[in-house]
Amino acid sequence: MEMLAVIEGLEKLKKIPTRVHVLSDSQYVIKGATEWMENWKRHGWKRKTKHGWQPVKNEDLWKTIDELMQKHHVTFEYIPGHSGHPENERCDKLAVAAYQKYK
């Protein structure tokens, strides 16, 4: 869901390029976009595991994020979850409320 949030947000931007600062409590999203993606691309969207080279998980979503990052000036910042950050707390409440509808 965190990846989809980044994609949806970047797709909504009308001005290209736009400077965007993404705040997320997802280390997976932050590290994927800022640390791991270049190596994945260099190795054909594969990652090295103890069982050899394996496809990157969520490859389709990562490729979409990569395409959108090429259009905009995107920076990322990790915000620990449940740390009192107002927007992060609001997102958490919305996610829980949405989840409750399907319980």
C-alpha atoms as a PDB file:
ATOM      1  CA  MET A   1       0.000   0.000   0.000  1.00  0.00           C
ATOM      2  CA  GLU A   2       2.850   2.368   0.747  1.00  0.00           C
ATOM      3  CA  MET A   3       4.188   1.944  -2.777  1.00  0.00           C
ATOM      4  CA  LEU A   4       0.766   2.612  -4.251  1.00  0.00           C
ATOM      5  CA  ALA A   5       0.507   5.784  -2.165  1.00  0.00           C
ATOM      6  CA  VAL A   6       3.760   7.079  -3.682  1.00  0.00           C
ATOM      7  CA  ILE A   7       2.587   6.170  -7.189  1.00  0.00           C
ATOM      8  CA  GLU A   8      -0.843   7.762  -6.759  1.00  0.00           C
ATOM      9  CA  GLY A   9       0.653  10.924  -5.308  1.00  0.00           C
ATOM     10  CA  LEU A  10       3.220  11.346  -8.080  1.00  0.00           C
ATOM     11  CA  GLU A  11       0.667  10.550 -10.793  1.00  0.00           C
ATOM     12  CA  LYS A  12      -1.599  13.354  -9.550  1.00  0.00           C
ATOM     13  CA  LEU A  13       1.031  16.035 -10.165  1.00  0.00           C
ATOM     14  CA  LYS A  14       0.094  18.215 -13.120  1.00  0.00           C
ATOM     15  CA  LYS A  15       3.284  20.287 -13.377  1.00  0.00           C
ATOM     16  CA  ILE A  16       6.280  18.401 -14.739  1.00  0.00           C
ATOM     17  CA  PRO A  17       8.779  18.501 -13.211  1.00  0.00           C
ATOM     18  CA  THR A  18       7.659  19.160  -9.653  1.00  0.00           C
ATOM     19  CA  ARG A  19       9.796  19.064  -6.508  1.00  0.00           C
ATOM     20  CA  VAL A  20       8.326  16.470  -4.161  1.00  0.00           C
ATOM     21  CA  HIS A  21       9.392  15.480  -0.663  1.00  0.00           C
ATOM     22  CA  VAL A  22       7.894  12.099   0.264  1.00  0.00           C
ATOM     23  CA  LEU A  23       7.507  11.300   3.962  1.00  0.00           C
ATOM     24  CA  SER A  24       6.983   7.619   4.759  1.00  0.00           C
ATOM     25  CA  ASP A  25       7.150   5.227   7.684  1.00  0.00           C
ATOM     26  CA  SER A  26       8.092   2.447   5.253  1.00  0.00           C
ATOM     27  CA  GLN A  27      11.797   1.610   5.242  1.00  0.00           C
ATOM     28  CA  TYR A  28      11.059  -0.647   2.258  1.00  0.00           C
ATOM     29  CA  VAL A  29       9.819   2.295   0.176  1.00  0.00           C
ATOM     30  CA  ILE A  30      12.565   4.678   1.306  1.00  0.00           C
ATOM     31  CA  LYS A  31      15.461   2.267   0.858  1.00  0.00           C
ATOM     32  CA  GLY A  32      14.018   0.816  -2.328  1.00  0.00           C
ATOM     33  CA  ALA A  33      13.768   4.236  -3.949  1.00  0.00           C
ATOM     34  CA  THR A  34      17.009   5.724  -2.604  1.00  0.00           C
ATOM     35  CA  GLU A  35      19.418   2.814  -2.136  1.00  0.00           C
ATOM     36  CA  TRP A  36      18.382  -0.398  -3.868  1.00  0.00           C
ATOM     37  CA  MET A  37      16.745   0.688  -7.124  1.00  0.00           C
ATOM     38  CA  GLU A  38      19.927   1.578  -9.008  1.00  0.00           C
ATOM     39  CA  ASN A  39      21.388  -1.899  -8.391  1.00  0.00           C
ATOM     40  CA  TRP A  40      18.118  -3.578  -9.332  1.00  0.00           C
ATOM     41  CA  LYS A  41      18.083  -1.683 -12.613  1.00  0.00           C
ATOM     42  CA  ARG A  42      21.751  -2.435 -13.271  1.00  0.00           C
ATOM     43  CA  HIS A  43      21.038  -6.155 -12.800  1.00  0.00           C
ATOM     44  CA  GLY A  44      17.879  -6.291 -14.920  1.00  0.00           C
ATOM     45  CA  TRP A  45      15.479  -5.808 -11.997  1.00  0.00           C
ATOM     46  CA  LYS A  46      16.961  -8.751 -10.156  1.00  0.00           C
ATOM     47  CA  ARG A  47      18.349  -8.990  -6.620  1.00  0.00           C
ATOM     48  CA  LYS A  48      21.019 -11.302  -5.333  1.00  0.00           C
ATOM     49  CA  THR A  49      19.847 -13.852  -2.763  1.00  0.00           C
ATOM     50  CA  LYS A  50      21.410 -16.928  -1.182  1.00  0.00           C
ATOM     51  CA  HIS A  51      19.651 -18.891  -3.937  1.00  0.00           C
ATOM     52  CA  GLY A  52      21.125 -16.796  -6.744  1.00  0.00           C
ATOM     53  CA  TRP A  53      19.587 -13.931  -8.690  1.00  0.00           C
ATOM     54  CA  GLN A  54      15.856 -13.527  -8.159  1.00  0.00           C
ATOM     55  CA  PRO A  55      13.330 -11.070  -9.598  1.00  0.00           C
ATOM     56  CA  VAL A  56      12.732  -7.976  -7.490  1.00  0.00           C
ATOM     57  CA  LYS A  57       9.511  -8.269  -5.515  1.00  0.00           C
ATOM     58  CA  ASN A  58       6.850  -5.796  -6.673  1.00  0.00           C
ATOM     59  CA  GLU A  59       8.863  -5.173  -9.841  1.00  0.00           C
ATOM     60  CA  ASP A  60       5.912  -3.608 -11.658  1.00  0.00           C
ATOM     61  CA  LEU A  61       5.369  -1.088  -8.863  1.00  0.00           C
ATOM     62  CA  TRP A  62       9.081  -0.284  -8.589  1.00  0.00           C
ATOM     63  CA  LYS A  63       9.287   0.310 -12.339  1.00  0.00           C
ATOM     64  CA  THR A  64       6.329   2.688 -12.122  1.00  0.00           C
ATOM     65  CA  ILE A  65       7.951   4.564  -9.220  1.00  0.00           C
ATOM     66  CA  ASP A  66      11.189   4.742 -11.215  1.00  0.00           C
ATOM     67  CA  GLU A  67       9.387   6.199 -14.246  1.00  0.00           C
ATOM     68  CA  LEU A  68       7.655   8.794 -12.102  1.00  0.00           C
ATOM     69  CA  MET A  69      10.897   9.690 -10.326  1.00  0.00           C
ATOM     70  CA  GLN A  70      12.428  10.412 -13.743  1.00  0.00           C
ATOM     71  CA  LYS A  71       9.730  13.053 -14.357  1.00  0.00           C
ATOM     72  CA  HIS A  72       9.990  14.815 -11.004  1.00  0.00           C
ATOM     73  CA  HIS A  73      12.586  15.890  -8.442  1.00  0.00           C
ATOM     74  CA  VAL A  74      11.744  13.461  -5.637  1.00  0.00           C
ATOM     75  CA  THR A  75      13.366  13.234  -2.223  1.00  0.00           C
ATOM     76  CA  PHE A  76      12.404  10.809   0.517  1.00  0.00           C
ATOM     77  CA  GLU A  77      12.412  11.052   4.299  1.00  0.00           C
ATOM     78  CA  TYR A  78      11.784   8.283   6.794  1.00  0.00           C
ATOM     79  CA  ILE A  79       9.301   9.114   9.551  1.00  0.00           C
ATOM     80  CA  PRO A  80       8.999   6.458  12.284  1.00  0.00           C
ATOM     81  CA  GLY A  81       5.445   5.193  12.584  1.00  0.00           C
ATOM     82  CA  HIS A  82       3.442   6.207  15.660  1.00  0.00           C
ATOM     83  CA  SER A  83       5.967   8.896  16.521  1.00  0.00           C
ATOM     84  CA  GLY A  84       3.485  11.754  16.686  1.00  0.00           C
ATOM     85  CA  HIS A  85       3.989  13.127  13.173  1.00  0.00           C
ATOM     86  CA  PRO A  86       0.529  14.646  12.446  1.00  0.00           C
ATOM     87  CA  GLU A  87       0.195  13.608   8.793  1.00  0.00           C
ATOM     88  CA  ASN A  88       1.568  10.122   9.470  1.00  0.00           C
ATOM     89  CA  GLU A  89      -0.859   9.635  12.363  1.00  0.00           C
ATOM     90  CA  ARG A  90      -3.745  10.781  10.137  1.00  0.00           C
ATOM     91  CA  CYS A  91      -2.751   8.347   7.388  1.00  0.00           C
ATOM     92  CA  ASP A  92      -2.604   5.543   9.929  1.00  0.00           C
ATOM     93  CA  LYS A  93      -6.106   6.350  11.186  1.00  0.00           C
ATOM     94  CA  LEU A  94      -7.463   6.420   7.634  1.00  0.00           C
ATOM     95  CA  ALA A  95      -5.804   3.096   6.813  1.00  0.00           C
ATOM     96  CA  VAL A  96      -7.182   1.434   9.955  1.00  0.00           C
ATOM     97  CA  ALA A  97     -10.665   2.804   9.281  1.00  0.00           C
ATOM     98  CA  ALA A  98     -10.562   1.479   5.718  1.00  0.00           C
ATOM     99  CA  TYR A  99      -9.336  -1.906   6.922  1.00  0.00           C
ATOM    100  CA  GLN A 100     -12.121  -2.131   9.497  1.00  0.00           C
ATOM    101  CA  LYS A 101     -14.724  -2.012   6.709  1.00  0.00           C
ATOM    102  CA  TYR A 102     -13.448  -5.349   5.369  1.00  0.00           C
ATOM    103  CA  LYS A 103     -13.075  -7.254   8.656  1.00  0.00           C
END
